[in-house]
Amino acid sequence: MRYDPAAAQDMSKQGRPGTYYFSVTDAKDATSKTGNEMIKLTLAVSAGEGDPIRVYDYLVNTAGGLWKVKLFAKEVGLDFDSGDLTAEECVGKSGKAVFDYDKKDVAAVAAGTRQKAYLKVVRYGIHEDKPKEDLPDTMPAKKPDTDFSQEAKDDRDDDPIPF
């Protein structure tokens, strides 16, 4: 078998579905294909080992899209109720969001017309009104500063219950 080693993709840099920290690195005012006002966000997402990955998201001014604008504003500390959100306000903001693969990308990969699926924002923030079983598994953005494995092992040695 002959192959090009440079064609191998490091899937750990792509990220997997989960809940991650993000920072808005860029935001631009734009117009959707259907003529609606929107803000195109560029997010740096800590989705695994290594450098953050880049994820694009769109906050669209439609009746069906304002739920996402509201959750984004709540997560990053902006005032949704003011009725005005600018791209400039979004840059530098950070928070947590649930990410999953884009379903169209997954279908294209399965059909062989695309090589990989990309992460997209499912929802901003983790809120009590969303059942936890509906969310992907949480993955930490970074390794903790403290190694808890030794503490857990020590606790188990003193535990009289064997399971």
C-alpha atoms as a PDB file:
ATOM      1  CA  MET A   1       0.000   0.000   0.000  1.00  0.00           C
ATOM      2  CA  ARG A   2       1.337   3.420  -0.933  1.00  0.00           C
ATOM      3  CA  TYR A   3       0.114   6.568   0.778  1.00  0.00           C
ATOM      4  CA  ASP A   4       1.032  10.168   1.458  1.00  0.00           C
ATOM      5  CA  PRO A   5       1.948  10.560   5.163  1.00  0.00           C
ATOM      6  CA  ALA A   6       1.151  14.281   4.953  1.00  0.00           C
ATOM      7  CA  ALA A   7      -2.467  13.402   4.118  1.00  0.00           C
ATOM      8  CA  ALA A   8      -3.014  11.837   7.550  1.00  0.00           C
ATOM      9  CA  GLN A   9      -5.198  14.031   9.720  1.00  0.00           C
ATOM     10  CA  ASP A  10      -4.621  14.407  13.424  1.00  0.00           C
ATOM     11  CA  MET A  11      -8.181  13.776  14.613  1.00  0.00           C
ATOM     12  CA  SER A  12      -7.350  14.912  18.169  1.00  0.00           C
ATOM     13  CA  LYS A  13      -7.037  18.461  16.819  1.00  0.00           C
ATOM     14  CA  GLN A  14     -10.471  18.255  15.247  1.00  0.00           C
ATOM     15  CA  GLY A  15     -12.259  17.864  18.563  1.00  0.00           C
ATOM     16  CA  ARG A  16     -15.077  15.572  19.577  1.00  0.00           C
ATOM     17  CA  PRO A  17     -18.626  16.361  20.624  1.00  0.00           C
ATOM     18  CA  GLY A  18     -18.839  17.679  24.166  1.00  0.00           C
ATOM     19  CA  THR A  19     -19.076  20.742  26.355  1.00  0.00           C
ATOM     20  CA  TYR A  20     -16.106  23.079  26.008  1.00  0.00           C
ATOM     21  CA  TYR A  21     -14.880  26.532  26.879  1.00  0.00           C
ATOM     22  CA  PHE A  22     -14.770  28.997  23.991  1.00  0.00           C
ATOM     23  CA  SER A  23     -13.512  32.511  23.330  1.00  0.00           C
ATOM     24  CA  VAL A  24     -14.762  34.779  20.565  1.00  0.00           C
ATOM     25  CA  THR A  25     -11.667  35.712  18.558  1.00  0.00           C
ATOM     26  CA  ASP A  26     -13.483  37.549  15.774  1.00  0.00           C
ATOM     27  CA  ALA A  27     -16.985  38.764  15.009  1.00  0.00           C
ATOM     28  CA  LYS A  28     -18.309  40.429  11.885  1.00  0.00           C
ATOM     29  CA  ASP A  29     -21.655  41.941  10.987  1.00  0.00           C
ATOM     30  CA  ALA A  30     -23.042  40.139   7.942  1.00  0.00           C
ATOM     31  CA  THR A  31     -26.215  39.407   6.016  1.00  0.00           C
ATOM     32  CA  SER A  32     -27.549  35.872   5.631  1.00  0.00           C
ATOM     33  CA  LYS A  33     -28.376  34.382   2.215  1.00  0.00           C
ATOM     34  CA  THR A  34     -32.025  35.181   2.905  1.00  0.00           C
ATOM     35  CA  GLY A  35     -31.288  38.812   3.766  1.00  0.00           C
ATOM     36  CA  ASN A  36     -31.392  38.672   7.570  1.00  0.00           C
ATOM     37  CA  GLU A  37     -28.959  40.558   9.777  1.00  0.00           C
ATOM     38  CA  MET A  38     -26.478  38.299  11.516  1.00  0.00           C
ATOM     39  CA  ILE A  39     -23.149  38.220  13.330  1.00  0.00           C
ATOM     40  CA  LYS A  40     -20.563  35.702  12.140  1.00  0.00           C
ATOM     41  CA  LEU A  41     -18.535  34.517  15.142  1.00  0.00           C
ATOM     42  CA  THR A  42     -15.119  32.883  15.060  1.00  0.00           C
ATOM     43  CA  LEU A  43     -14.628  30.838  18.227  1.00  0.00           C
ATOM     44  CA  ALA A  44     -11.420  29.412  19.666  1.00  0.00           C
ATOM     45  CA  VAL A  45     -12.575  26.189  21.324  1.00  0.00           C
ATOM     46  CA  SER A  46     -10.525  24.198  23.832  1.00  0.00           C
ATOM     47  CA  ALA A  47     -11.705  20.817  22.552  1.00  0.00           C
ATOM     48  CA  GLY A  48      -8.974  18.417  23.556  1.00  0.00           C
ATOM     49  CA  GLU A  49      -5.208  18.348  23.690  1.00  0.00           C
ATOM     50  CA  GLY A  50      -3.140  20.942  21.881  1.00  0.00           C
ATOM     51  CA  ASP A  51      -4.099  24.249  20.401  1.00  0.00           C
ATOM     52  CA  PRO A  52      -7.732  25.399  20.380  1.00  0.00           C
ATOM     53  CA  ILE A  53      -9.708  24.584  17.275  1.00  0.00           C
ATOM     54  CA  ARG A  54     -11.601  27.171  15.246  1.00  0.00           C
ATOM     55  CA  VAL A  55     -15.391  26.904  15.043  1.00  0.00           C
ATOM     56  CA  TYR A  56     -17.664  29.299  13.177  1.00  0.00           C
ATOM     57  CA  ASP A  57     -21.121  30.187  14.403  1.00  0.00           C
ATOM     58  CA  TYR A  58     -23.825  32.547  13.243  1.00  0.00           C
ATOM     59  CA  LEU A  59     -26.178  34.612  15.392  1.00  0.00           C
ATOM     60  CA  VAL A  60     -29.096  35.354  13.079  1.00  0.00           C
ATOM     61  CA  ASN A  61     -31.812  37.957  13.620  1.00  0.00           C
ATOM     62  CA  THR A  62     -34.887  35.835  12.903  1.00  0.00           C
ATOM     63  CA  ALA A  63     -37.732  34.746  15.132  1.00  0.00           C
ATOM     64  CA  GLY A  64     -36.357  31.192  15.014  1.00  0.00           C
ATOM     65  CA  GLY A  65     -32.747  32.260  15.559  1.00  0.00           C
ATOM     66  CA  LEU A  66     -33.074  34.660  18.485  1.00  0.00           C
ATOM     67  CA  TRP A  67     -33.080  31.798  21.034  1.00  0.00           C
ATOM     68  CA  LYS A  68     -29.400  31.246  20.196  1.00  0.00           C
ATOM     69  CA  VAL A  69     -28.651  34.970  20.441  1.00  0.00           C
ATOM     70  CA  LYS A  70     -30.328  35.020  23.863  1.00  0.00           C
ATOM     71  CA  LEU A  71     -28.327  32.021  25.162  1.00  0.00           C
ATOM     72  CA  PHE A  72     -25.080  33.464  23.768  1.00  0.00           C
ATOM     73  CA  ALA A  73     -25.727  36.840  25.425  1.00  0.00           C
ATOM     74  CA  LYS A  74     -26.601  35.188  28.745  1.00  0.00           C
ATOM     75  CA  GLU A  75     -23.471  32.990  28.646  1.00  0.00           C
ATOM     76  CA  VAL A  76     -21.009  35.783  27.885  1.00  0.00           C
ATOM     77  CA  GLY A  77     -22.634  38.473  30.061  1.00  0.00           C
ATOM     78  CA  LEU A  78     -24.195  40.708  27.407  1.00  0.00           C
ATOM     79  CA  ASP A  79     -27.625  42.341  27.715  1.00  0.00           C
ATOM     80  CA  PHE A  80     -30.036  40.546  25.375  1.00  0.00           C
ATOM     81  CA  ASP A  81     -33.006  42.612  26.593  1.00  0.00           C
ATOM     82  CA  SER A  82     -31.467  45.826  25.222  1.00  0.00           C
ATOM     83  CA  GLY A  83     -32.485  44.649  21.747  1.00  0.00           C
ATOM     84  CA  ASP A  84     -29.089  45.575  20.301  1.00  0.00           C
ATOM     85  CA  LEU A  85     -25.993  43.422  19.899  1.00  0.00           C
ATOM     86  CA  THR A  86     -22.919  44.419  17.901  1.00  0.00           C
ATOM     87  CA  ALA A  87     -20.080  42.322  16.562  1.00  0.00           C
ATOM     88  CA  GLU A  88     -17.586  44.492  18.432  1.00  0.00           C
ATOM     89  CA  GLU A  89     -19.238  43.650  21.778  1.00  0.00           C
ATOM     90  CA  CYS A  90     -18.786  39.933  21.118  1.00  0.00           C
ATOM     91  CA  VAL A  91     -15.015  39.927  20.521  1.00  0.00           C
ATOM     92  CA  GLY A  92     -13.065  38.756  23.556  1.00  0.00           C
ATOM     93  CA  LYS A  93     -16.093  37.268  25.300  1.00  0.00           C
ATOM     94  CA  SER A  94     -15.896  33.703  26.539  1.00  0.00           C
ATOM     95  CA  GLY A  95     -18.024  30.999  28.083  1.00  0.00           C
ATOM     96  CA  LYS A  96     -19.089  27.387  27.713  1.00  0.00           C
ATOM     97  CA  ALA A  97     -21.094  25.748  24.971  1.00  0.00           C
ATOM     98  CA  VAL A  98     -22.232  22.323  23.842  1.00  0.00           C
ATOM     99  CA  PHE A  99     -20.676  21.240  20.538  1.00  0.00           C
ATOM    100  CA  ASP A 100     -21.577  18.369  18.210  1.00  0.00           C
ATOM    101  CA  TYR A 101     -20.784  17.375  14.642  1.00  0.00           C
ATOM    102  CA  ASP A 102     -22.748  19.099  11.924  1.00  0.00           C
ATOM    103  CA  LYS A 103     -25.310  16.504  10.720  1.00  0.00           C
ATOM    104  CA  LYS A 104     -24.848  17.525   7.070  1.00  0.00           C
ATOM    105  CA  ASP A 105     -21.086  16.957   7.403  1.00  0.00           C
ATOM    106  CA  VAL A 106     -21.660  13.527   8.981  1.00  0.00           C
ATOM    107  CA  ALA A 107     -23.969  12.531   6.111  1.00  0.00           C
ATOM    108  CA  ALA A 108     -21.413  13.790   3.552  1.00  0.00           C
ATOM    109  CA  VAL A 109     -18.628  11.785   5.245  1.00  0.00           C
ATOM    110  CA  ALA A 110     -20.828   8.677   5.200  1.00  0.00           C
ATOM    111  CA  ALA A 111     -21.552   9.264   1.501  1.00  0.00           C
ATOM    112  CA  GLY A 112     -17.847   9.735   0.780  1.00  0.00           C
ATOM    113  CA  THR A 113     -18.193  13.299  -0.500  1.00  0.00           C
ATOM    114  CA  ARG A 114     -16.383  14.889   2.454  1.00  0.00           C
ATOM    115  CA  GLN A 115     -13.362  13.751   4.464  1.00  0.00           C
ATOM    116  CA  LYS A 116     -14.330  14.975   7.917  1.00  0.00           C
ATOM    117  CA  ALA A 117     -17.160  16.440   9.945  1.00  0.00           C
ATOM    118  CA  TYR A 118     -16.778  19.738  11.759  1.00  0.00           C
ATOM    119  CA  LEU A 119     -18.007  20.755  15.189  1.00  0.00           C
ATOM    120  CA  LYS A 120     -20.783  23.296  15.512  1.00  0.00           C
ATOM    121  CA  VAL A 121     -22.456  25.010  18.445  1.00  0.00           C
ATOM    122  CA  VAL A 122     -25.554  23.169  19.621  1.00  0.00           C
ATOM    123  CA  ARG A 123     -26.307  25.585  22.447  1.00  0.00           C
ATOM    124  CA  TYR A 124     -24.496  28.181  24.503  1.00  0.00           C
ATOM    125  CA  GLY A 125     -24.165  27.633  28.244  1.00  0.00           C
ATOM    126  CA  ILE A 126     -25.318  24.809  30.450  1.00  0.00           C
ATOM    127  CA  HIS A 127     -28.635  25.672  32.005  1.00  0.00           C
ATOM    128  CA  GLU A 128     -30.757  23.853  34.541  1.00  0.00           C
ATOM    129  CA  ASP A 129     -33.774  23.742  32.222  1.00  0.00           C
ATOM    130  CA  LYS A 130     -31.958  21.349  29.837  1.00  0.00           C
ATOM    131  CA  PRO A 131     -31.968  17.682  30.966  1.00  0.00           C
ATOM    132  CA  LYS A 132     -28.394  16.433  31.348  1.00  0.00           C
ATOM    133  CA  GLU A 133     -29.116  13.218  29.422  1.00  0.00           C
ATOM    134  CA  ASP A 134     -29.781  15.355  26.307  1.00  0.00           C
ATOM    135  CA  LEU A 135     -26.241  16.785  26.398  1.00  0.00           C
ATOM    136  CA  PRO A 136     -23.079  15.144  25.071  1.00  0.00           C
ATOM    137  CA  ASP A 137     -20.517  13.982  27.634  1.00  0.00           C
ATOM    138  CA  THR A 138     -18.559  16.837  29.145  1.00  0.00           C
ATOM    139  CA  MET A 139     -14.872  16.931  28.345  1.00  0.00           C
ATOM    140  CA  PRO A 140     -12.557  19.257  30.272  1.00  0.00           C
ATOM    141  CA  ALA A 141     -11.064  22.159  28.370  1.00  0.00           C
ATOM    142  CA  LYS A 142      -7.692  21.708  30.067  1.00  0.00           C
ATOM    143  CA  LYS A 143      -6.114  19.274  32.449  1.00  0.00           C
ATOM    144  CA  PRO A 144      -6.666  20.266  36.083  1.00  0.00           C
ATOM    145  CA  ASP A 145      -3.747  21.804  37.938  1.00  0.00           C
ATOM    146  CA  THR A 146      -4.130  19.262  40.738  1.00  0.00           C
ATOM    147  CA  ASP A 147      -3.641  15.520  40.302  1.00  0.00           C
ATOM    148  CA  PHE A 148      -6.628  13.975  42.069  1.00  0.00           C
ATOM    149  CA  SER A 149      -5.785  10.386  41.115  1.00  0.00           C
ATOM    150  CA  GLN A 150      -3.553   9.873  44.179  1.00  0.00           C
ATOM    151  CA  GLU A 151      -6.240  11.242  46.517  1.00  0.00           C
ATOM    152  CA  ALA A 152      -8.837   8.894  45.054  1.00  0.00           C
ATOM    153  CA  LYS A 153      -6.508   5.915  45.354  1.00  0.00           C
ATOM    154  CA  ASP A 154      -5.717   6.750  48.986  1.00  0.00           C
ATOM    155  CA  ASP A 155      -9.428   7.055  49.802  1.00  0.00           C
ATOM    156  CA  ARG A 156     -10.161   3.643  48.296  1.00  0.00           C
ATOM    157  CA  ASP A 157      -7.495   1.937  50.446  1.00  0.00           C
ATOM    158  CA  ASP A 158      -9.388   2.929  53.616  1.00  0.00           C
ATOM    159  CA  ASP A 159     -12.812   2.005  52.249  1.00  0.00           C
ATOM    160  CA  PRO A 160     -14.118  -1.294  53.759  1.00  0.00           C
ATOM    161  CA  ILE A 161     -16.684  -1.742  50.981  1.00  0.00           C
ATOM    162  CA  PRO A 162     -15.082  -3.701  48.115  1.00  0.00           C
ATOM    163  CA  PHE A 163     -17.119  -2.156  45.298  1.00  0.00           C
END
